[in-house]
Full PDB file with SEQRES, HELIX, SHEET, SSBOND, CRYST1, ORIGX, SCALE, CONECT and MASTER records, all heavy atoms in Angstrom:
SEQRES   1 A   34  GLY TRP PHE ARG PRO ALA PRO GLY LYS GLU GLY GLU PHE          
SEQRES   2 A   34  VAL ALA CYS ILE THR GLY SER GLY ARG ASN THR TYR PHE          
SEQRES   3 A   34  ALA ASN SER LEU LYS CYS ARG PHE                              
HELIX    1 AA1 ASN A   28  LEU A   30  5                                   3    
SHEET    1 AA1 3 TRP A   2  ALA A   6  0                                        
SHEET    2 AA1 3 LYS A   9  ILE A  17 -1                                        
SHEET    3 AA1 3 THR A  24  PHE A  26 -1                                        
CRYST1    1.000    1.000    1.000  90.00  90.00  90.00 P 1           1          
ORIGX1      1.000000  0.000000  0.000000        0.00000                         
ORIGX2      0.000000  1.000000  0.000000        0.00000                         
ORIGX3      0.000000  0.000000  1.000000        0.00000                         
SCALE1      1.000000  0.000000  0.000000        0.00000                         
SCALE2      0.000000  1.000000  0.000000        0.00000                         
SCALE3      0.000000  0.000000  1.000000        0.00000                         
ATOM      1  N   GLY A   1     -23.187 -11.634 -25.294  1.00  0.00           N  
ATOM      2  CA  GLY A   1     -22.507 -12.002 -24.074  1.00  0.00           C  
ATOM      3  C   GLY A   1     -23.233 -11.494 -22.845  1.00  0.00           C  
ATOM      4  O   GLY A   1     -24.021 -10.538 -22.919  1.00  0.00           O  
ATOM      5  N   TRP A   2     -22.983 -12.146 -21.725  1.00  0.00           N  
ATOM      6  CA  TRP A   2     -23.459 -11.701 -20.417  1.00  0.00           C  
ATOM      7  C   TRP A   2     -22.256 -11.410 -19.534  1.00  0.00           C  
ATOM      8  O   TRP A   2     -21.298 -12.196 -19.493  1.00  0.00           O  
ATOM      9  CB  TRP A   2     -24.342 -12.758 -19.747  1.00  0.00           C  
ATOM     10  CG  TRP A   2     -25.721 -12.883 -20.329  1.00  0.00           C  
ATOM     11  CD1 TRP A   2     -26.153 -13.755 -21.266  1.00  0.00           C  
ATOM     12  CD2 TRP A   2     -26.870 -12.094 -19.963  1.00  0.00           C  
ATOM     13  NE1 TRP A   2     -27.486 -13.575 -21.524  1.00  0.00           N  
ATOM     14  CE2 TRP A   2     -27.953 -12.554 -20.733  1.00  0.00           C  
ATOM     15  CE3 TRP A   2     -27.076 -11.051 -19.061  1.00  0.00           C  
ATOM     16  CZ2 TRP A   2     -29.235 -12.019 -20.640  1.00  0.00           C  
ATOM     17  CZ3 TRP A   2     -28.352 -10.505 -18.970  1.00  0.00           C  
ATOM     18  CH2 TRP A   2     -29.412 -10.992 -19.757  1.00  0.00           C  
ATOM     19  N   PHE A   3     -22.311 -10.291 -18.813  1.00  0.00           N  
ATOM     20  CA  PHE A   3     -21.227  -9.864 -17.942  1.00  0.00           C  
ATOM     21  C   PHE A   3     -21.793  -9.353 -16.626  1.00  0.00           C  
ATOM     22  O   PHE A   3     -22.953  -8.974 -16.535  1.00  0.00           O  
ATOM     23  CB  PHE A   3     -20.398  -8.753 -18.600  1.00  0.00           C  
ATOM     24  CG  PHE A   3     -19.708  -9.165 -19.870  1.00  0.00           C  
ATOM     25  CD1 PHE A   3     -20.363  -9.117 -21.079  1.00  0.00           C  
ATOM     26  CD2 PHE A   3     -18.388  -9.604 -19.844  1.00  0.00           C  
ATOM     27  CE1 PHE A   3     -19.736  -9.495 -22.249  1.00  0.00           C  
ATOM     28  CE2 PHE A   3     -17.739  -9.988 -21.006  1.00  0.00           C  
ATOM     29  CZ  PHE A   3     -18.420  -9.934 -22.208  1.00  0.00           C  
ATOM     30  N   ARG A   4     -20.943  -9.328 -15.620  1.00  0.00           N  
ATOM     31  CA  ARG A   4     -21.280  -8.705 -14.348  1.00  0.00           C  
ATOM     32  C   ARG A   4     -20.059  -7.957 -13.854  1.00  0.00           C  
ATOM     33  O   ARG A   4     -18.929  -8.330 -14.150  1.00  0.00           O  
ATOM     34  CB  ARG A   4     -21.765  -9.744 -13.337  1.00  0.00           C  
ATOM     35  CG  ARG A   4     -20.736 -10.792 -12.949  1.00  0.00           C  
ATOM     36  CD  ARG A   4     -21.378 -11.902 -12.134  1.00  0.00           C  
ATOM     37  NE  ARG A   4     -20.403 -12.850 -11.643  1.00  0.00           N  
ATOM     38  CZ  ARG A   4     -20.693 -13.996 -11.020  1.00  0.00           C  
ATOM     39  NH1 ARG A   4     -21.966 -14.335 -10.837  1.00  0.00           N  
ATOM     40  NH2 ARG A   4     -19.732 -14.791 -10.611  1.00  0.00           N  
ATOM     41  N   PRO A   5     -20.233  -6.863 -13.089  1.00  0.00           N  
ATOM     42  CA  PRO A   5     -19.092  -6.035 -12.674  1.00  0.00           C  
ATOM     43  C   PRO A   5     -18.093  -6.804 -11.822  1.00  0.00           C  
ATOM     44  O   PRO A   5     -18.449  -7.712 -11.072  1.00  0.00           O  
ATOM     45  CB  PRO A   5     -19.750  -4.913 -11.868  1.00  0.00           C  
ATOM     46  CG  PRO A   5     -21.151  -4.853 -12.356  1.00  0.00           C  
ATOM     47  CD  PRO A   5     -21.513  -6.275 -12.668  1.00  0.00           C  
ATOM     48  N   ALA A   6     -16.844  -6.401 -11.947  1.00  0.00           N  
ATOM     49  CA  ALA A   6     -15.761  -6.938 -11.129  1.00  0.00           C  
ATOM     50  C   ALA A   6     -14.791  -5.805 -10.816  1.00  0.00           C  
ATOM     51  O   ALA A   6     -14.542  -4.950 -11.668  1.00  0.00           O  
ATOM     52  CB  ALA A   6     -15.049  -8.070 -11.847  1.00  0.00           C  
ATOM     53  N   PRO A   7     -14.229  -5.777  -9.610  1.00  0.00           N  
ATOM     54  CA  PRO A   7     -13.306  -4.694  -9.239  1.00  0.00           C  
ATOM     55  C   PRO A   7     -12.121  -4.577 -10.184  1.00  0.00           C  
ATOM     56  O   PRO A   7     -11.472  -5.571 -10.496  1.00  0.00           O  
ATOM     57  CB  PRO A   7     -12.845  -5.091  -7.831  1.00  0.00           C  
ATOM     58  CG  PRO A   7     -13.950  -5.949  -7.301  1.00  0.00           C  
ATOM     59  CD  PRO A   7     -14.453  -6.706  -8.479  1.00  0.00           C  
ATOM     60  N   GLY A   8     -11.845  -3.346 -10.646  1.00  0.00           N  
ATOM     61  CA  GLY A   8     -10.709  -3.094 -11.515  1.00  0.00           C  
ATOM     62  C   GLY A   8     -10.834  -3.627 -12.929  1.00  0.00           C  
ATOM     63  O   GLY A   8      -9.867  -3.588 -13.676  1.00  0.00           O  
ATOM     64  N   LYS A   9     -12.007  -4.113 -13.291  1.00  0.00           N  
ATOM     65  CA  LYS A   9     -12.221  -4.667 -14.612  1.00  0.00           C  
ATOM     66  C   LYS A   9     -13.500  -4.106 -15.213  1.00  0.00           C  
ATOM     67  O   LYS A   9     -14.394  -3.655 -14.506  1.00  0.00           O  
ATOM     68  CB  LYS A   9     -12.285  -6.195 -14.540  1.00  0.00           C  
ATOM     69  CG  LYS A   9     -11.022  -6.850 -14.003  1.00  0.00           C  
ATOM     70  CD  LYS A   9     -11.224  -8.325 -13.739  1.00  0.00           C  
ATOM     71  CE  LYS A   9     -11.525  -9.103 -14.989  1.00  0.00           C  
ATOM     72  NZ  LYS A   9     -11.644 -10.560 -14.724  1.00  0.00           N  
ATOM     73  N   GLU A  10     -13.576  -4.129 -16.530  1.00  0.00           N  
ATOM     74  CA  GLU A  10     -14.772  -3.630 -17.204  1.00  0.00           C  
ATOM     75  C   GLU A  10     -15.979  -4.506 -16.923  1.00  0.00           C  
ATOM     76  O   GLU A  10     -17.109  -4.028 -16.888  1.00  0.00           O  
ATOM     77  CB  GLU A  10     -14.532  -3.516 -18.704  1.00  0.00           C  
ATOM     78  CG  GLU A  10     -13.511  -2.469 -19.090  1.00  0.00           C  
ATOM     79  CD  GLU A  10     -13.361  -2.331 -20.591  1.00  0.00           C  
ATOM     80  OE1 GLU A  10     -14.065  -3.037 -21.332  1.00  0.00           O  
ATOM     81  OE2 GLU A  10     -12.538  -1.510 -21.022  1.00  0.00           O  
ATOM     82  N   GLY A  11     -15.740  -5.770 -16.738  1.00  0.00           N  
ATOM     83  CA  GLY A  11     -16.812  -6.699 -16.445  1.00  0.00           C  
ATOM     84  C   GLY A  11     -16.297  -8.118 -16.370  1.00  0.00           C  
ATOM     85  O   GLY A  11     -15.362  -8.480 -17.077  1.00  0.00           O  
ATOM     86  N   GLU A  12     -16.887  -8.900 -15.484  1.00  0.00           N  
ATOM     87  CA  GLU A  12     -16.540 -10.305 -15.373  1.00  0.00           C  
ATOM     88  C   GLU A  12     -17.339 -11.094 -16.391  1.00  0.00           C  
ATOM     89  O   GLU A  12     -18.565 -11.039 -16.413  1.00  0.00           O  
ATOM     90  CB  GLU A  12     -16.827 -10.817 -13.967  1.00  0.00           C  
ATOM     91  CG  GLU A  12     -16.526 -12.301 -13.791  1.00  0.00           C  
ATOM     92  CD  GLU A  12     -16.944 -12.831 -12.446  1.00  0.00           C  
ATOM     93  OE1 GLU A  12     -17.693 -12.134 -11.738  1.00  0.00           O  
ATOM     94  OE2 GLU A  12     -16.508 -13.947 -12.099  1.00  0.00           O  
ATOM     95  N   PHE A  13     -16.629 -11.830 -17.220  1.00  0.00           N  
ATOM     96  CA  PHE A  13     -17.303 -12.630 -18.228  1.00  0.00           C  
ATOM     97  C   PHE A  13     -18.141 -13.721 -17.576  1.00  0.00           C  
ATOM     98  O   PHE A  13     -17.681 -14.408 -16.675  1.00  0.00           O  
ATOM     99  CB  PHE A  13     -16.276 -13.251 -19.178  1.00  0.00           C  
ATOM    100  CG  PHE A  13     -16.872 -14.271 -20.106  1.00  0.00           C  
ATOM    101  CD1 PHE A  13     -17.661 -13.865 -21.171  1.00  0.00           C  
ATOM    102  CD2 PHE A  13     -16.645 -15.622 -19.920  1.00  0.00           C  
ATOM    103  CE1 PHE A  13     -18.223 -14.794 -22.037  1.00  0.00           C  
ATOM    104  CE2 PHE A  13     -17.198 -16.557 -20.772  1.00  0.00           C  
ATOM    105  CZ  PHE A  13     -17.988 -16.141 -21.829  1.00  0.00           C  
ATOM    106  N   VAL A  14     -19.369 -13.864 -18.073  1.00  0.00           N  
ATOM    107  CA  VAL A  14     -20.274 -14.896 -17.597  1.00  0.00           C  
ATOM    108  C   VAL A  14     -20.467 -15.962 -18.670  1.00  0.00           C  
ATOM    109  O   VAL A  14     -20.222 -17.143 -18.450  1.00  0.00           O  
ATOM    110  CB  VAL A  14     -21.622 -14.309 -17.167  1.00  0.00           C  
ATOM    111  CG1 VAL A  14     -22.594 -15.426 -16.785  1.00  0.00           C  
ATOM    112  CG2 VAL A  14     -21.439 -13.340 -16.002  1.00  0.00           C  
ATOM    113  N   ALA A  15     -20.934 -15.539 -19.843  1.00  0.00           N  
ATOM    114  CA  ALA A  15     -21.216 -16.475 -20.925  1.00  0.00           C  
ATOM    115  C   ALA A  15     -21.376 -15.708 -22.228  1.00  0.00           C  
ATOM    116  O   ALA A  15     -21.680 -14.514 -22.233  1.00  0.00           O  
ATOM    117  CB  ALA A  15     -22.477 -17.298 -20.644  1.00  0.00           C  
ATOM    118  N   CYS A  16     -21.174 -16.385 -23.343  1.00  0.00           N  
ATOM    119  CA  CYS A  16     -21.420 -15.774 -24.646  1.00  0.00           C  
ATOM    120  C   CYS A  16     -21.916 -16.829 -25.608  1.00  0.00           C  
ATOM    121  O   CYS A  16     -21.767 -18.019 -25.383  1.00  0.00           O  
ATOM    122  CB  CYS A  16     -20.179 -15.062 -25.195  1.00  0.00           C  
ATOM    123  SG  CYS A  16     -18.774 -16.129 -25.537  1.00  0.00           S  
ATOM    124  N   ILE A  17     -22.506 -16.366 -26.706  1.00  0.00           N  
ATOM    125  CA  ILE A  17     -23.089 -17.263 -27.689  1.00  0.00           C  
ATOM    126  C   ILE A  17     -22.943 -16.643 -29.069  1.00  0.00           C  
ATOM    127  O   ILE A  17     -23.066 -15.430 -29.239  1.00  0.00           O  
ATOM    128  CB  ILE A  17     -24.566 -17.559 -27.348  1.00  0.00           C  
ATOM    129  CG1 ILE A  17     -25.162 -18.633 -28.260  1.00  0.00           C  
ATOM    130  CG2 ILE A  17     -25.397 -16.273 -27.387  1.00  0.00           C  
ATOM    131  CD1 ILE A  17     -26.511 -19.132 -27.777  1.00  0.00           C  
ATOM    132  N   THR A  18     -22.670 -17.450 -30.065  1.00  0.00           N  
ATOM    133  CA  THR A  18     -22.514 -16.957 -31.422  1.00  0.00           C  
ATOM    134  C   THR A  18     -23.859 -16.567 -31.999  1.00  0.00           C  
ATOM    135  O   THR A  18     -24.924 -16.901 -31.475  1.00  0.00           O  
ATOM    136  CB  THR A  18     -21.856 -18.016 -32.317  1.00  0.00           C  
ATOM    137  OG1 THR A  18     -22.639 -19.217 -32.286  1.00  0.00           O  
ATOM    138  CG2 THR A  18     -20.442 -18.325 -31.859  1.00  0.00           C  
ATOM    139  N   GLY A  19     -23.826 -15.835 -33.115  1.00  0.00           N  
ATOM    140  CA  GLY A  19     -25.054 -15.375 -33.743  1.00  0.00           C  
ATOM    141  C   GLY A  19     -25.996 -16.497 -34.117  1.00  0.00           C  
ATOM    142  O   GLY A  19     -27.218 -16.364 -33.989  1.00  0.00           O  
ATOM    143  N   SER A  20     -25.447 -17.610 -34.554  1.00  0.00           N  
ATOM    144  CA  SER A  20     -26.262 -18.755 -34.947  1.00  0.00           C  
ATOM    145  C   SER A  20     -26.783 -19.531 -33.751  1.00  0.00           C  
ATOM    146  O   SER A  20     -27.729 -20.306 -33.883  1.00  0.00           O  
ATOM    147  CB  SER A  20     -25.458 -19.685 -35.840  1.00  0.00           C  
ATOM    148  OG  SER A  20     -24.404 -20.297 -35.117  1.00  0.00           O  
ATOM    149  N   GLY A  21     -26.148 -19.359 -32.600  1.00  0.00           N  
ATOM    150  CA  GLY A  21     -26.498 -20.120 -31.421  1.00  0.00           C  
ATOM    151  C   GLY A  21     -25.856 -21.485 -31.349  1.00  0.00           C  
ATOM    152  O   GLY A  21     -26.092 -22.233 -30.397  1.00  0.00           O  
ATOM    153  N   ARG A  22     -25.013 -21.829 -32.312  1.00  0.00           N  
ATOM    154  CA  ARG A  22     -24.416 -23.159 -32.351  1.00  0.00           C  
ATOM    155  C   ARG A  22     -23.247 -23.311 -31.388  1.00  0.00           C  
ATOM    156  O   ARG A  22     -22.898 -24.434 -31.025  1.00  0.00           O  
ATOM    157  CB  ARG A  22     -23.951 -23.468 -33.769  1.00  0.00           C  
ATOM    158  CG  ARG A  22     -25.074 -23.594 -34.786  1.00  0.00           C  
ATOM    159  CD  ARG A  22     -24.541 -24.018 -36.126  1.00  0.00           C  
ATOM    160  NE  ARG A  22     -23.917 -25.328 -36.078  1.00  0.00           N  
ATOM    161  CZ  ARG A  22     -23.269 -25.899 -37.091  1.00  0.00           C  
ATOM    162  NH1 ARG A  22     -23.167 -25.252 -38.251  1.00  0.00           N  
ATOM    163  NH2 ARG A  22     -22.720 -27.094 -36.949  1.00  0.00           N  
ATOM    164  N   ASN A  23     -22.627 -22.208 -31.002  1.00  0.00           N  
ATOM    165  CA  ASN A  23     -21.463 -22.257 -30.126  1.00  0.00           C  
ATOM    166  C   ASN A  23     -21.672 -21.370 -28.902  1.00  0.00           C  
ATOM    167  O   ASN A  23     -22.139 -20.236 -29.019  1.00  0.00           O  
ATOM    168  CB  ASN A  23     -20.202 -21.815 -30.863  1.00  0.00           C  
ATOM    169  CG  ASN A  23     -19.876 -22.702 -32.043  1.00  0.00           C  
ATOM    170  OD1 ASN A  23     -20.132 -22.334 -33.198  1.00  0.00           O  
ATOM    171  ND2 ASN A  23     -19.320 -23.882 -31.770  1.00  0.00           N  
ATOM    172  N   THR A  24     -21.330 -21.907 -27.740  1.00  0.00           N  
ATOM    173  CA  THR A  24     -21.423 -21.161 -26.494  1.00  0.00           C  
ATOM    174  C   THR A  24     -20.139 -21.328 -25.695  1.00  0.00           C  
ATOM    175  O   THR A  24     -19.393 -22.287 -25.887  1.00  0.00           O  
ATOM    176  CB  THR A  24     -22.611 -21.642 -25.643  1.00  0.00           C  
ATOM    177  OG1 THR A  24     -22.461 -23.040 -25.343  1.00  0.00           O  
ATOM    178  CG2 THR A  24     -23.925 -21.428 -26.387  1.00  0.00           C  
ATOM    179  N   TYR A  25     -19.893 -20.387 -24.796  1.00  0.00           N  
ATOM    180  CA  TYR A  25     -18.724 -20.427 -23.943  1.00  0.00           C  
ATOM    181  C   TYR A  25     -19.091 -19.847 -22.595  1.00  0.00           C  
ATOM    182  O   TYR A  25     -19.799 -18.838 -22.520  1.00  0.00           O  
ATOM    183  CB  TYR A  25     -17.566 -19.648 -24.564  1.00  0.00           C  
ATOM    184  CG  TYR A  25     -16.248 -19.854 -23.860  1.00  0.00           C  
ATOM    185  CD1 TYR A  25     -15.478 -20.968 -24.117  1.00  0.00           C  
ATOM    186  CD2 TYR A  25     -15.783 -18.918 -22.941  1.00  0.00           C  
ATOM    187  CE1 TYR A  25     -14.278 -21.167 -23.462  1.00  0.00           C  
ATOM    188  CE2 TYR A  25     -14.580 -19.112 -22.293  1.00  0.00           C  
ATOM    189  CZ  TYR A  25     -13.824 -20.238 -22.555  1.00  0.00           C  
ATOM    190  OH  TYR A  25     -12.633 -20.428 -21.921  1.00  0.00           O  
ATOM    191  N   PHE A  26     -18.602 -20.474 -21.535  1.00  0.00           N  
ATOM    192  CA  PHE A  26     -18.924 -20.057 -20.178  1.00  0.00           C  
ATOM    193  C   PHE A  26     -17.657 -19.856 -19.358  1.00  0.00           C  
ATOM    194  O   PHE A  26     -16.642 -20.512 -19.602  1.00  0.00           O  
ATOM    195  CB  PHE A  26     -19.778 -21.114 -19.473  1.00  0.00           C  
ATOM    196  CG  PHE A  26     -21.081 -21.419 -20.152  1.00  0.00           C  
ATOM    197  CD1 PHE A  26     -21.151 -22.397 -21.132  1.00  0.00           C  
ATOM    198  CD2 PHE A  26     -22.235 -20.737 -19.816  1.00  0.00           C  
ATOM    199  CE1 PHE A  26     -22.343 -22.690 -21.763  1.00  0.00           C  
ATOM    200  CE2 PHE A  26     -23.442 -21.017 -20.436  1.00  0.00           C  
ATOM    201  CZ  PHE A  26     -23.486 -21.993 -21.409  1.00  0.00           C  
ATOM    202  N   ALA A  27     -17.739 -18.968 -18.389  1.00  0.00           N  
ATOM    203  CA  ALA A  27     -16.673 -18.885 -17.402  1.00  0.00           C  
ATOM    204  C   ALA A  27     -16.566 -20.246 -16.712  1.00  0.00           C  
ATOM    205  O   ALA A  27     -17.583 -20.852 -16.378  1.00  0.00           O  
ATOM    206  CB  ALA A  27     -16.967 -17.792 -16.375  1.00  0.00           C  
ATOM    207  N   ASN A  28     -15.333 -20.715 -16.513  1.00  0.00           N  
ATOM    208  CA  ASN A  28     -15.135 -22.060 -15.980  1.00  0.00           C  
ATOM    209  C   ASN A  28     -15.863 -22.290 -14.668  1.00  0.00           C  
ATOM    210  O   ASN A  28     -16.415 -23.370 -14.435  1.00  0.00           O  
ATOM    211  CB  ASN A  28     -13.645 -22.341 -15.809  1.00  0.00           C  
ATOM    212  CG  ASN A  28     -12.936 -22.545 -17.124  1.00  0.00           C  
ATOM    213  OD1 ASN A  28     -13.540 -22.938 -18.116  1.00  0.00           O  
ATOM    214  ND2 ASN A  28     -11.637 -22.274 -17.140  1.00  0.00           N  
ATOM    215  N   SER A  29     -15.885 -21.294 -13.802  1.00  0.00           N  
ATOM    216  CA  SER A  29     -16.493 -21.440 -12.494  1.00  0.00           C  
ATOM    217  C   SER A  29     -18.018 -21.502 -12.546  1.00  0.00           C  
ATOM    218  O   SER A  29     -18.647 -21.872 -11.556  1.00  0.00           O  
ATOM    219  CB  SER A  29     -16.062 -20.298 -11.577  1.00  0.00           C  
ATOM    220  OG  SER A  29     -16.494 -19.049 -12.080  1.00  0.00           O  
ATOM    221  N   LEU A  30     -18.601 -21.174 -13.680  1.00  0.00           N  
ATOM    222  CA  LEU A  30     -20.054 -21.108 -13.802  1.00  0.00           C  
ATOM    223  C   LEU A  30     -20.637 -22.165 -14.736  1.00  0.00           C  
ATOM    224  O   LEU A  30     -21.858 -22.239 -14.881  1.00  0.00           O  
ATOM    225  CB  LEU A  30     -20.476 -19.725 -14.295  1.00  0.00           C  
ATOM    226  CG  LEU A  30     -20.022 -18.538 -13.450  1.00  0.00           C  
ATOM    227  CD1 LEU A  30     -20.414 -17.225 -14.121  1.00  0.00           C  
ATOM    228  CD2 LEU A  30     -20.612 -18.615 -12.056  1.00  0.00           C  
ATOM    229  N   LYS A  31     -19.813 -22.973 -15.345  1.00  0.00           N  
ATOM    230  CA  LYS A  31     -20.278 -23.934 -16.353  1.00  0.00           C  
ATOM    231  C   LYS A  31     -21.361 -24.870 -15.848  1.00  0.00           C  
ATOM    232  O   LYS A  31     -22.275 -25.230 -16.599  1.00  0.00           O  
ATOM    233  CB  LYS A  31     -19.099 -24.760 -16.878  1.00  0.00           C  
ATOM    234  CG  LYS A  31     -18.183 -24.034 -17.840  1.00  0.00           C  
ATOM    235  CD  LYS A  31     -17.095 -24.964 -18.348  1.00  0.00           C  
ATOM    236  CE  LYS A  31     -16.217 -24.270 -19.367  1.00  0.00           C  
ATOM    237  NZ  LYS A  31     -15.142 -25.175 -19.850  1.00  0.00           N  
ATOM    238  N   CYS A  32     -21.276 -25.269 -14.611  1.00  0.00           N  
ATOM    239  CA  CYS A  32     -22.217 -26.249 -14.077  1.00  0.00           C  
ATOM    240  C   CYS A  32     -23.550 -25.640 -13.644  1.00  0.00           C  
ATOM    241  O   CYS A  32     -24.507 -26.369 -13.406  1.00  0.00           O  
ATOM    242  CB  CYS A  32     -21.604 -26.995 -12.894  1.00  0.00           C  
ATOM    243  SG  CYS A  32     -20.154 -28.003 -13.307  1.00  0.00           S  
ATOM    244  N   ARG A  33     -23.614 -24.317 -13.543  1.00  0.00           N  
ATOM    245  CA  ARG A  33     -24.805 -23.670 -12.997  1.00  0.00           C  
ATOM    246  C   ARG A  33     -25.512 -22.729 -13.959  1.00  0.00           C  
ATOM    247  O   ARG A  33     -26.714 -22.519 -13.830  1.00  0.00           O  
ATOM    248  CB  ARG A  33     -24.445 -22.902 -11.722  1.00  0.00           C  
ATOM    249  CG  ARG A  33     -23.872 -23.780 -10.619  1.00  0.00           C  
ATOM    250  CD  ARG A  33     -23.779 -23.017  -9.300  1.00  0.00           C  
ATOM    251  NE  ARG A  33     -22.831 -21.903  -9.368  1.00  0.00           N  
ATOM    252  CZ  ARG A  33     -23.162 -20.629  -9.247  1.00  0.00           C  
ATOM    253  NH1 ARG A  33     -24.439 -20.281  -9.062  1.00  0.00           N  
ATOM    254  NH2 ARG A  33     -22.238 -19.676  -9.301  1.00  0.00           N  
ATOM    255  N   PHE A  34     -24.786 -22.143 -14.901  1.00  0.00           N  
ATOM    256  CA  PHE A  34     -25.367 -21.147 -15.801  1.00  0.00           C  
ATOM    257  C   PHE A  34     -25.438 -21.688 -17.230  1.00  0.00           C  
ATOM    258  O   PHE A  34     -24.549 -22.426 -17.667  1.00  0.00           O  
ATOM    259  CB  PHE A  34     -24.523 -19.873 -15.811  1.00  0.00           C  
ATOM    260  CG  PHE A  34     -24.626 -19.021 -14.569  1.00  0.00           C  
ATOM    261  CD1 PHE A  34     -25.126 -19.528 -13.383  1.00  0.00           C  
ATOM    262  CD2 PHE A  34     -24.221 -17.698 -14.598  1.00  0.00           C  
ATOM    263  CE1 PHE A  34     -25.217 -18.757 -12.243  1.00  0.00           C  
ATOM    264  CE2 PHE A  34     -24.305 -16.902 -13.465  1.00  0.00           C  
ATOM    265  CZ  PHE A  34     -24.803 -17.431 -12.284  1.00  0.00           C  
TER     266      PHE A  34                                                      
MASTER        0    0    0    1    3    0    0    6  265    1    0    3          
END                                                                             
């Protein structure tokens, strides 16, 4: 996974990927750019 800091939180989720690479997930606000 990729994260970046956010106030009051451990980290803002950016994106993640399974071990095989077959499945990915993105923060909704970043889907079009990252």
